[in-house]
Protein backbone atom coordinates (compact mmCIF):
# COMPACT_ATOMS: atom_id res chain seq x y z
CA MET A 1 -45.16 -75.38 -136.20
CA ASN A 2 -47.73 -75.21 -138.98
CA SER A 3 -50.10 -72.49 -137.84
CA THR A 4 -49.93 -68.80 -137.13
CA SER A 5 -50.90 -69.26 -133.48
CA PHE A 6 -48.94 -70.83 -130.65
CA ASN A 7 -49.98 -73.47 -128.17
CA LEU A 8 -48.13 -74.37 -125.00
CA ILE A 9 -46.01 -76.98 -126.71
CA ASP A 10 -44.97 -74.45 -129.35
CA VAL A 11 -44.06 -71.89 -126.67
CA ILE A 12 -41.91 -74.41 -124.81
CA ALA A 13 -40.21 -75.35 -128.06
CA VAL A 14 -39.41 -71.71 -128.83
CA LEU A 15 -38.06 -71.14 -125.29
CA GLN A 16 -35.81 -74.18 -125.62
CA LYS A 17 -34.55 -72.93 -128.95
CA ARG A 18 -34.17 -69.24 -128.10
CA TRP A 19 -33.31 -69.32 -124.38
CA ARG A 20 -29.76 -68.11 -124.99
CA SER A 21 -30.96 -65.05 -126.94
CA ILE A 22 -33.59 -64.28 -124.29
CA SER A 23 -31.01 -64.66 -121.51
CA VAL A 24 -28.56 -62.35 -123.29
CA PHE A 25 -31.30 -59.75 -123.74
CA VAL A 26 -32.24 -59.95 -120.04
CA ILE A 27 -28.60 -59.67 -118.94
CA ILE A 28 -27.97 -56.67 -121.19
CA SER A 29 -31.15 -54.99 -119.87
CA LEU A 30 -30.04 -55.58 -116.28
CA ALA A 31 -26.56 -54.29 -117.01
CA ILE A 32 -27.83 -51.10 -118.64
CA THR A 33 -30.27 -50.55 -115.75
CA GLY A 34 -27.53 -51.16 -113.19
CA ILE A 35 -25.27 -48.59 -114.85
CA ALA A 36 -28.15 -46.11 -114.98
CA LEU A 37 -28.87 -46.65 -111.29
CA LEU A 38 -25.26 -45.81 -110.50
CA VAL A 39 -25.58 -42.52 -112.37
CA VAL A 40 -29.01 -41.26 -111.26
CA PRO A 41 -29.14 -39.24 -107.99
CA LYS A 42 -29.91 -41.15 -104.82
CA TYR A 43 -32.48 -39.83 -102.36
CA TYR A 44 -32.48 -40.35 -98.61
CA ARG A 45 -35.60 -40.28 -96.47
CA SER A 46 -35.80 -39.21 -92.83
CA THR A 47 -38.92 -39.36 -90.66
CA ALA A 48 -39.93 -37.55 -87.49
CA VAL A 49 -43.09 -38.48 -85.58
CA VAL A 50 -44.80 -36.32 -82.94
CA VAL A 51 -48.04 -36.22 -80.97
CA PRO A 52 -49.78 -32.95 -80.06
CA ALA A 53 -49.89 -31.71 -76.51
CA SER A 54 -53.24 -30.65 -75.08
CA PRO A 55 -53.78 -26.89 -75.64
CA VAL A 56 -55.45 -26.58 -72.24
CA LEU A 57 -52.03 -27.10 -70.67
CA ALA A 58 -51.39 -23.47 -71.56
CA ASP A 59 -53.89 -22.44 -68.86
CA LYS A 60 -51.83 -20.76 -66.14
CA ALA A 61 -54.18 -22.19 -63.51
CA ARG A 62 -52.48 -25.56 -63.98
CA LEU A 63 -49.41 -24.20 -62.18
CA PHE A 64 -51.22 -23.31 -58.98
CA ASN A 65 -54.09 -25.76 -58.64
CA SER A 66 -53.23 -29.46 -58.42
CA SER A 67 -56.87 -30.50 -58.78
CA ILE A 68 -57.07 -28.68 -62.12
CA GLN A 69 -53.83 -30.31 -63.27
CA ASN A 70 -55.39 -33.75 -62.82
CA LEU A 71 -58.28 -32.79 -65.10
CA TYR A 72 -55.99 -32.18 -68.07
CA SER A 73 -54.75 -34.84 -70.45
CA PHE A 74 -51.17 -34.38 -71.61
CA PHE A 75 -52.06 -35.32 -75.19
CA GLY A 76 -54.26 -33.59 -77.73
CA ASN A 77 -56.78 -35.13 -80.10
CA GLY A 78 -57.35 -35.39 -83.84
CA ASP A 79 -58.40 -31.75 -84.10
CA ASP A 80 -55.10 -30.68 -82.55
CA ILE A 81 -53.23 -32.77 -85.14
CA GLU A 82 -55.14 -30.99 -87.90
CA THR A 83 -54.11 -27.65 -86.40
CA LEU A 84 -50.45 -28.68 -86.33
CA MET A 85 -50.62 -29.96 -89.90
CA GLY A 86 -52.23 -26.75 -91.07
CA PHE A 87 -49.43 -24.72 -89.57
CA ALA A 88 -46.71 -27.10 -90.78
CA LYS A 89 -48.00 -26.72 -94.35
CA SER A 90 -47.97 -22.92 -94.20
CA ASP A 91 -45.44 -20.95 -96.25
CA THR A 92 -44.06 -19.54 -92.98
CA VAL A 93 -42.42 -22.89 -92.22
CA TYR A 94 -41.13 -23.33 -95.77
CA TYR A 95 -39.61 -19.86 -95.89
CA VAL A 96 -37.66 -20.57 -92.71
CA LEU A 97 -36.36 -23.85 -94.14
CA VAL A 98 -35.38 -22.21 -97.44
CA ASP A 99 -33.39 -19.49 -95.70
CA GLU A 100 -31.79 -21.54 -92.93
CA PHE A 101 -30.66 -24.44 -95.11
CA LYS A 102 -29.80 -22.32 -98.18
CA LEU A 103 -32.12 -24.41 -100.34
CA ILE A 104 -31.94 -22.00 -103.26
CA ASP A 105 -28.38 -23.23 -103.78
CA TYR A 106 -29.34 -26.84 -103.06
CA TYR A 107 -32.03 -26.85 -105.75
CA GLU A 108 -29.91 -24.63 -108.02
CA VAL A 109 -32.86 -22.31 -108.61
CA LYS A 110 -32.49 -19.44 -111.07
CA GLY A 111 -34.54 -16.25 -111.05
CA GLU A 112 -34.58 -12.51 -111.50
CA ASN A 113 -34.52 -11.76 -107.77
CA ASP A 114 -34.49 -13.45 -104.38
CA ASN A 115 -38.27 -13.39 -103.97
CA ILE A 116 -38.81 -15.28 -107.20
CA LYS A 117 -36.07 -17.73 -106.32
CA ARG A 118 -37.59 -18.37 -102.90
CA LYS A 119 -41.04 -19.01 -104.35
CA LYS A 120 -39.64 -21.45 -106.91
CA THR A 121 -37.63 -23.17 -104.18
CA ILE A 122 -40.71 -23.58 -101.99
CA LYS A 123 -42.54 -25.34 -104.83
CA LEU A 124 -39.67 -27.80 -105.15
CA LEU A 125 -39.38 -28.21 -101.38
CA LYS A 126 -43.05 -29.10 -100.98
CA LYS A 127 -42.49 -32.08 -103.27
CA ASP A 128 -39.76 -33.36 -100.92
CA ILE A 129 -41.74 -32.95 -97.69
CA GLU A 130 -44.66 -35.18 -96.79
CA LEU A 131 -46.94 -34.41 -93.83
CA THR A 132 -49.42 -37.08 -92.82
CA LYS A 133 -51.73 -37.87 -89.93
CA THR A 134 -51.43 -41.45 -88.70
CA GLU A 135 -54.24 -43.62 -87.40
CA PHE A 136 -52.87 -43.06 -83.89
CA ASN A 137 -53.33 -39.26 -84.09
CA GLN A 138 -49.65 -38.67 -84.70
CA LEU A 139 -48.08 -36.21 -87.09
CA LYS A 140 -45.48 -37.77 -89.36
CA VAL A 141 -42.97 -35.50 -91.10
CA VAL A 142 -41.07 -37.18 -93.94
CA VAL A 143 -38.29 -35.39 -95.82
CA CYS A 144 -36.54 -36.89 -98.85
CA THR A 145 -33.47 -35.21 -100.36
CA LYS A 146 -30.17 -36.10 -102.02
CA ASP A 147 -28.34 -35.29 -98.76
CA LYS A 148 -29.06 -37.74 -95.92
CA GLN A 149 -28.06 -35.29 -93.19
CA LEU A 150 -30.11 -32.51 -94.77
CA SER A 151 -33.20 -34.73 -94.76
CA ALA A 152 -32.86 -35.44 -91.05
CA ASN A 153 -32.06 -31.84 -90.15
CA MET A 154 -35.04 -30.45 -92.05
CA ALA A 155 -37.48 -32.99 -90.59
CA ASN A 156 -36.37 -32.10 -87.06
CA ARG A 157 -36.39 -28.39 -87.87
CA VAL A 158 -40.02 -28.53 -89.01
CA ILE A 159 -40.90 -29.86 -85.56
CA ASP A 160 -38.83 -27.15 -83.87
CA ILE A 161 -40.47 -24.37 -85.90
CA ILE A 162 -43.96 -25.57 -84.94
CA GLN A 163 -42.94 -25.82 -81.29
CA GLU A 164 -41.28 -22.42 -81.14
CA THR A 165 -43.98 -20.55 -83.05
CA GLU A 166 -46.94 -21.91 -81.08
CA GLN A 167 -45.17 -21.39 -77.76
CA ASN A 168 -44.38 -17.81 -78.74
CA MET A 169 -48.05 -17.28 -79.56
CA TRP A 170 -49.02 -18.44 -76.05
CA LYS A 171 -46.32 -16.28 -74.51
CA GLN A 172 -47.49 -13.27 -76.49
CA VAL A 173 -51.05 -13.67 -75.16
CA TYR A 174 -49.75 -13.85 -71.58
CA GLN A 175 -47.36 -10.96 -72.16
CA ILE A 176 -50.19 -8.70 -73.37
CA SER A 177 -52.18 -9.53 -70.23
CA LEU A 178 -49.10 -8.95 -68.08
CA ASN A 179 -48.49 -5.55 -69.65
CA LYS A 180 -52.07 -4.50 -68.95
CA LEU A 181 -51.78 -5.69 -65.38
CA ASN A 182 -48.53 -3.80 -64.87
CA GLU A 183 -50.20 -0.63 -66.14
CA SER A 184 -53.07 -1.10 -63.72
CA ILE A 185 -50.65 -1.83 -60.87
CA SER A 186 -48.74 1.34 -61.63
CA GLU A 187 -51.99 3.38 -61.61
CA MET A 188 -53.11 1.85 -58.32
CA LYS A 189 -49.77 2.59 -56.73
CA ASN A 190 -50.14 6.20 -57.71
CA GLN A 191 -53.68 6.27 -56.32
CA TYR A 192 -52.50 4.66 -53.11
CA LYS A 193 -49.73 7.24 -52.76
CA ASP A 194 -52.13 10.13 -53.43
CA ILE A 195 -54.60 8.88 -50.83
CA SER A 196 -51.82 8.35 -48.30
CA ASP A 197 -50.61 11.90 -48.86
CA SER A 198 -54.17 13.23 -48.50
CA THR A 199 -54.68 11.29 -45.28
CA SER A 200 -51.54 12.71 -43.70
CA THR A 201 -52.51 16.31 -44.48
CA ASN A 202 -56.27 16.14 -43.96
CA LYS A 203 -57.60 17.09 -40.50
CA ASN A 204 -61.17 15.91 -41.07
CA SER A 205 -61.51 12.58 -39.26
CA PHE A 206 -64.59 11.46 -41.21
CA LYS A 207 -62.90 12.16 -44.51
CA ASN A 208 -59.78 10.40 -43.29
CA GLU A 209 -61.84 7.31 -42.53
CA MET A 210 -63.23 7.38 -46.03
CA LEU A 211 -59.76 7.81 -47.50
CA GLU A 212 -58.41 5.01 -45.35
CA SER A 213 -61.19 2.72 -46.54
CA GLN A 214 -60.32 3.55 -50.16
CA ARG A 215 -56.66 2.99 -49.47
CA GLN A 216 -57.30 -0.46 -47.96
CA SER A 217 -59.51 -1.37 -50.89
CA ILE A 218 -56.81 -0.32 -53.35
CA LEU A 219 -54.21 -2.18 -51.30
CA GLU A 220 -56.22 -5.44 -51.46
CA GLN A 221 -56.80 -5.05 -55.17
CA LEU A 222 -53.14 -4.22 -55.67
CA LYS A 223 -52.14 -7.44 -53.90
CA GLN A 224 -54.47 -9.45 -56.14
CA TYR A 225 -53.09 -7.81 -59.28
CA GLN A 226 -49.51 -8.39 -58.17
CA ARG A 227 -50.33 -12.05 -57.46
CA SER A 228 -51.86 -12.39 -60.94
CA ALA A 229 -48.82 -10.70 -62.47
CA SER A 230 -46.54 -13.19 -60.73
CA GLU A 231 -48.64 -16.06 -62.06
CA LEU A 232 -48.43 -14.67 -65.58
CA LYS A 233 -44.66 -14.31 -65.32
CA LEU A 234 -44.38 -17.93 -64.22
CA ALA A 235 -46.70 -19.05 -67.02
CA ILE A 236 -44.49 -17.25 -69.56
CA ALA A 237 -41.36 -18.83 -68.11
CA ALA A 238 -42.95 -22.30 -67.93
CA THR A 239 -44.72 -22.43 -71.29
CA PRO A 240 -45.82 -26.05 -71.88
CA PRO A 241 -44.79 -28.00 -74.98
CA VAL A 242 -46.97 -27.83 -78.07
CA LEU A 243 -46.05 -31.37 -79.06
CA TYR A 244 -44.13 -34.39 -77.85
CA ILE A 245 -41.51 -36.08 -80.01
CA VAL A 246 -42.21 -39.79 -80.48
CA GLU A 247 -39.49 -40.40 -83.06
CA LYS A 248 -36.69 -38.03 -83.90
CA ALA A 249 -35.42 -37.97 -87.48
CA PHE A 250 -32.03 -39.55 -88.15
CA PRO A 251 -29.97 -39.80 -91.36
CA SER A 252 -30.91 -42.80 -93.46
CA ALA A 253 -28.35 -45.62 -93.52
CA SER A 254 -28.85 -46.20 -97.24
CA ALA A 255 -30.58 -44.60 -100.20
CA ASP A 256 -34.35 -44.93 -100.20
CA LYS A 257 -34.85 -43.91 -103.83
CA PRO A 258 -34.37 -45.48 -106.23
CA VAL A 259 -34.92 -48.90 -104.60
CA ILE A 260 -32.28 -50.83 -106.53
CA SER A 261 -33.55 -54.33 -105.79
CA THR A 262 -37.11 -53.41 -106.77
CA VAL A 263 -36.04 -51.70 -109.97
CA LEU A 264 -33.77 -54.58 -111.01
CA PHE A 265 -36.46 -57.15 -110.26
CA ALA A 266 -38.97 -55.18 -112.32
CA VAL A 267 -36.50 -54.91 -115.21
CA LEU A 268 -35.82 -58.64 -114.95
CA LEU A 269 -39.50 -59.48 -115.28
CA ILE A 270 -40.22 -56.95 -118.01
CA SER A 271 -37.16 -57.84 -120.10
CA ALA A 272 -37.86 -61.57 -119.73
CA VAL A 273 -41.48 -61.15 -120.83
CA PHE A 274 -40.47 -58.86 -123.68
CA GLY A 275 -37.73 -61.28 -124.77
CA ILE A 276 -40.14 -64.22 -124.78
CA ILE A 277 -42.75 -62.30 -126.77
CA ALA A 278 -40.11 -61.11 -129.24
CA ALA A 279 -38.85 -64.68 -129.67
CA LEU A 280 -42.36 -65.98 -130.27
CA VAL A 281 -43.14 -63.27 -132.80
CA TYR A 282 -39.83 -63.82 -134.60
CA GLU A 283 -40.35 -67.57 -134.67
CA ARG A 284 -43.85 -67.19 -136.06
CA LYS A 285 -42.56 -65.00 -138.88
CA GLN A 286 -39.99 -67.67 -139.70
CA THR A 287 -42.59 -70.42 -139.79
CA PRO A 288 -43.80 -71.31 -143.28
CA GLN A 289 -47.52 -70.64 -143.84
């Protein structure tokens, strides 16, 4: 080689001459990487997939009118997915996960008090949880931790928290209405009793007719209120699901990070290219000008 640049023939000649050195360098690089991969923590990913239920299913009329039931779709739309995602990303969900799974200890968080520790833990937890909306209007919850069972448990728990919280919100709305109805029912019962007492003691027939008319009116209204109260009680007891589980999270069979085969292949390519370049540079320096 009598120039400072290389052509293809020169490159092939260098590879034939230095292939042992390049191979040794590649093998050493792979060995070091393999040892490092055995030492670094392994992460396991678990995924849960759900679809939203239609919010209109919370209408208590669905329980008593079959024609209305047929008008409702069981599944929600993209807007409902956005609502679920917004709630799933709230600190309320993360605080529950931190406390239930003792994540302060898992992440080995240090701090002056529990509040600071919890806030630091939530920041770390958010990096391990991924919430995405799929093209099929599904909510995908992905959790990646060093404990395969923990990943699965947390992914499933996120779904449970959303379900429980939203159902409790619906129940609370119905319960408020039921409480108001019960107050009105109690008042009407008292009115009915007072009118009945007045009718039994009053000797004026015209006034008795008026009282009887009022009593019948109260009685009819009381029956309607009691019927509505029964419907509300049934609606509270039969609260519909907020979401449907498409895929429940299970522990991963093997580590998802790092991907050993991908890392080793990348190291193989990089070390081979680096070894070839180093050999070419070294050979050029050894070539007389």
